[in-house]
Amino acid sequence: MNKIKLLCFTLAILFGAFMFVYGEYDDSPGGQLLGLLVVIASIIGILKIRRSQQK
């Protein structure tokens, strides 16, 4: 189950990076912000999964 979550968070990071780059290309600060928030939330999710595995 954790591997599936880890894969989903990894895909979310890639999608967030895509949104950030596309927002820059489209000159959309809102798109960049959403992409950045997706990346940050995904990194936090991965860190939570890692901490729960270490216990």
N, C-alpha and C. Protein backbone atom coordinates (compact mmCIF):
# COMPACT_ATOMS: atom_id res chain seq x y z
N MET A 1 0.82 -1.19 0.00
CA MET A 1 0.00 0.00 0.00
C MET A 1 0.87 1.27 0.00
N ASN A 2 1.95 1.22 0.77
CA ASN A 2 2.82 2.39 0.82
C ASN A 2 3.53 2.64 -0.50
N LYS A 3 3.80 1.56 -1.23
CA LYS A 3 4.46 1.73 -2.53
C LYS A 3 3.53 2.43 -3.52
N ILE A 4 2.25 2.14 -3.43
CA ILE A 4 1.29 2.80 -4.31
C ILE A 4 1.19 4.28 -3.97
N LYS A 5 1.15 4.59 -2.67
CA LYS A 5 1.12 5.99 -2.25
C LYS A 5 2.38 6.72 -2.69
N LEU A 6 3.52 6.06 -2.54
CA LEU A 6 4.79 6.66 -2.94
C LEU A 6 4.80 6.93 -4.44
N LEU A 7 4.28 6.01 -5.22
CA LEU A 7 4.19 6.21 -6.67
C LEU A 7 3.26 7.36 -7.01
N CYS A 8 2.13 7.46 -6.32
CA CYS A 8 1.19 8.55 -6.58
C CYS A 8 1.80 9.90 -6.23
N PHE A 9 2.52 9.97 -5.11
CA PHE A 9 3.16 11.23 -4.74
C PHE A 9 4.27 11.59 -5.74
N THR A 10 4.98 10.60 -6.24
CA THR A 10 6.02 10.86 -7.23
C THR A 10 5.41 11.40 -8.52
N LEU A 11 4.32 10.80 -8.94
CA LEU A 11 3.63 11.29 -10.13
C LEU A 11 3.08 12.70 -9.91
N ALA A 12 2.62 12.97 -8.69
CA ALA A 12 2.12 14.31 -8.37
C ALA A 12 3.24 15.35 -8.44
N ILE A 13 4.45 14.96 -8.01
CA ILE A 13 5.59 15.87 -8.11
C ILE A 13 5.88 16.18 -9.57
N LEU A 14 5.86 15.16 -10.41
CA LEU A 14 6.10 15.39 -11.84
C LEU A 14 5.01 16.26 -12.45
N PHE A 15 3.77 16.02 -12.06
CA PHE A 15 2.67 16.82 -12.58
C PHE A 15 2.78 18.27 -12.10
N GLY A 16 3.16 18.45 -10.85
CA GLY A 16 3.35 19.80 -10.31
C GLY A 16 4.47 20.54 -11.03
N ALA A 17 5.55 19.83 -11.33
CA ALA A 17 6.64 20.46 -12.07
C ALA A 17 6.17 20.84 -13.47
N PHE A 18 5.38 19.98 -14.10
CA PHE A 18 4.82 20.29 -15.41
C PHE A 18 3.93 21.52 -15.34
N MET A 19 3.09 21.59 -14.30
CA MET A 19 2.21 22.75 -14.15
C MET A 19 3.01 24.03 -13.96
N PHE A 20 4.09 23.94 -13.20
CA PHE A 20 4.92 25.11 -12.96
C PHE A 20 5.55 25.60 -14.26
N VAL A 21 6.11 24.69 -15.04
CA VAL A 21 6.74 25.06 -16.31
C VAL A 21 5.70 25.57 -17.30
N TYR A 22 4.56 24.90 -17.38
CA TYR A 22 3.52 25.35 -18.30
C TYR A 22 2.96 26.70 -17.88
N GLY A 23 2.85 26.93 -16.58
CA GLY A 23 2.38 28.23 -16.09
C GLY A 23 3.34 29.34 -16.47
N GLU A 24 4.62 29.05 -16.47
CA GLU A 24 5.62 30.04 -16.90
C GLU A 24 5.49 30.30 -18.40
N TYR A 25 5.31 29.25 -19.16
CA TYR A 25 5.18 29.38 -20.61
C TYR A 25 3.91 30.16 -20.97
N ASP A 26 2.84 29.89 -20.25
CA ASP A 26 1.55 30.52 -20.52
C ASP A 26 1.42 31.88 -19.84
N ASP A 27 2.44 32.26 -19.06
CA ASP A 27 2.46 33.52 -18.31
C ASP A 27 1.29 33.58 -17.33
N SER A 28 1.14 32.49 -16.59
CA SER A 28 0.03 32.37 -15.63
C SER A 28 0.60 32.17 -14.23
N PRO A 29 0.60 33.23 -13.41
CA PRO A 29 1.14 33.06 -12.05
C PRO A 29 0.31 32.10 -11.20
N GLY A 30 -1.00 32.02 -11.47
CA GLY A 30 -1.84 31.09 -10.72
C GLY A 30 -1.48 29.64 -11.01
N GLY A 31 -1.17 29.35 -12.25
CA GLY A 31 -0.75 27.99 -12.62
C GLY A 31 0.57 27.63 -11.97
N GLN A 32 1.47 28.59 -11.92
CA GLN A 32 2.77 28.34 -11.26
C GLN A 32 2.57 28.08 -9.78
N LEU A 33 1.71 28.86 -9.15
CA LEU A 33 1.47 28.69 -7.72
C LEU A 33 0.86 27.32 -7.43
N LEU A 34 -0.11 26.92 -8.22
CA LEU A 34 -0.72 25.61 -8.02
C LEU A 34 0.30 24.48 -8.21
N GLY A 35 1.15 24.62 -9.22
CA GLY A 35 2.19 23.62 -9.44
C GLY A 35 3.14 23.54 -8.27
N LEU A 36 3.52 24.69 -7.73
CA LEU A 36 4.42 24.72 -6.59
C LEU A 36 3.76 24.10 -5.36
N LEU A 37 2.49 24.39 -5.14
CA LEU A 37 1.77 23.81 -4.01
C LEU A 37 1.64 22.30 -4.13
N VAL A 38 1.42 21.81 -5.34
CA VAL A 38 1.32 20.36 -5.55
C VAL A 38 2.65 19.69 -5.23
N VAL A 39 3.75 20.30 -5.67
CA VAL A 39 5.07 19.73 -5.40
C VAL A 39 5.36 19.73 -3.90
N ILE A 40 5.07 20.82 -3.22
CA ILE A 40 5.34 20.89 -1.78
C ILE A 40 4.48 19.88 -1.02
N ALA A 41 3.21 19.79 -1.37
CA ALA A 41 2.33 18.84 -0.69
C ALA A 41 2.78 17.39 -0.93
N SER A 42 3.26 17.11 -2.12
CA SER A 42 3.73 15.75 -2.43
C SER A 42 5.00 15.42 -1.67
N ILE A 43 5.89 16.38 -1.55
CA ILE A 43 7.12 16.14 -0.78
C ILE A 43 6.79 15.89 0.68
N ILE A 44 5.86 16.65 1.23
CA ILE A 44 5.44 16.44 2.62
C ILE A 44 4.81 15.05 2.77
N GLY A 45 4.02 14.63 1.81
CA GLY A 45 3.42 13.30 1.86
C GLY A 45 4.47 12.20 1.82
N ILE A 46 5.48 12.36 0.99
CA ILE A 46 6.56 11.37 0.93
C ILE A 46 7.32 11.32 2.25
N LEU A 47 7.58 12.47 2.85
CA LEU A 47 8.28 12.50 4.12
C LEU A 47 7.47 11.82 5.22
N LYS A 48 6.16 11.99 5.22
CA LYS A 48 5.32 11.33 6.21
C LYS A 48 5.35 9.81 6.04
N ILE A 49 5.34 9.37 4.78
CA ILE A 49 5.41 7.92 4.52
C ILE A 49 6.74 7.37 5.02
N ARG A 50 7.82 8.07 4.75
CA ARG A 50 9.15 7.63 5.19
C ARG A 50 9.24 7.56 6.70
N ARG A 51 8.69 8.56 7.38
CA ARG A 51 8.73 8.55 8.85
C ARG A 51 7.93 7.39 9.42
N SER A 52 6.79 7.08 8.83
CA SER A 52 5.97 5.98 9.34
C SER A 52 6.64 4.64 9.10
N GLN A 53 7.47 4.52 8.06
CA GLN A 53 8.18 3.27 7.80
C GLN A 53 9.36 3.09 8.74
N GLN A 54 9.93 4.17 9.27
CA GLN A 54 11.08 4.05 10.15
C GLN A 54 10.69 3.63 11.56
N LYS A 55 9.44 3.83 11.96
CA LYS A 55 9.01 3.50 13.32
C LYS A 55 8.83 2.03 13.51
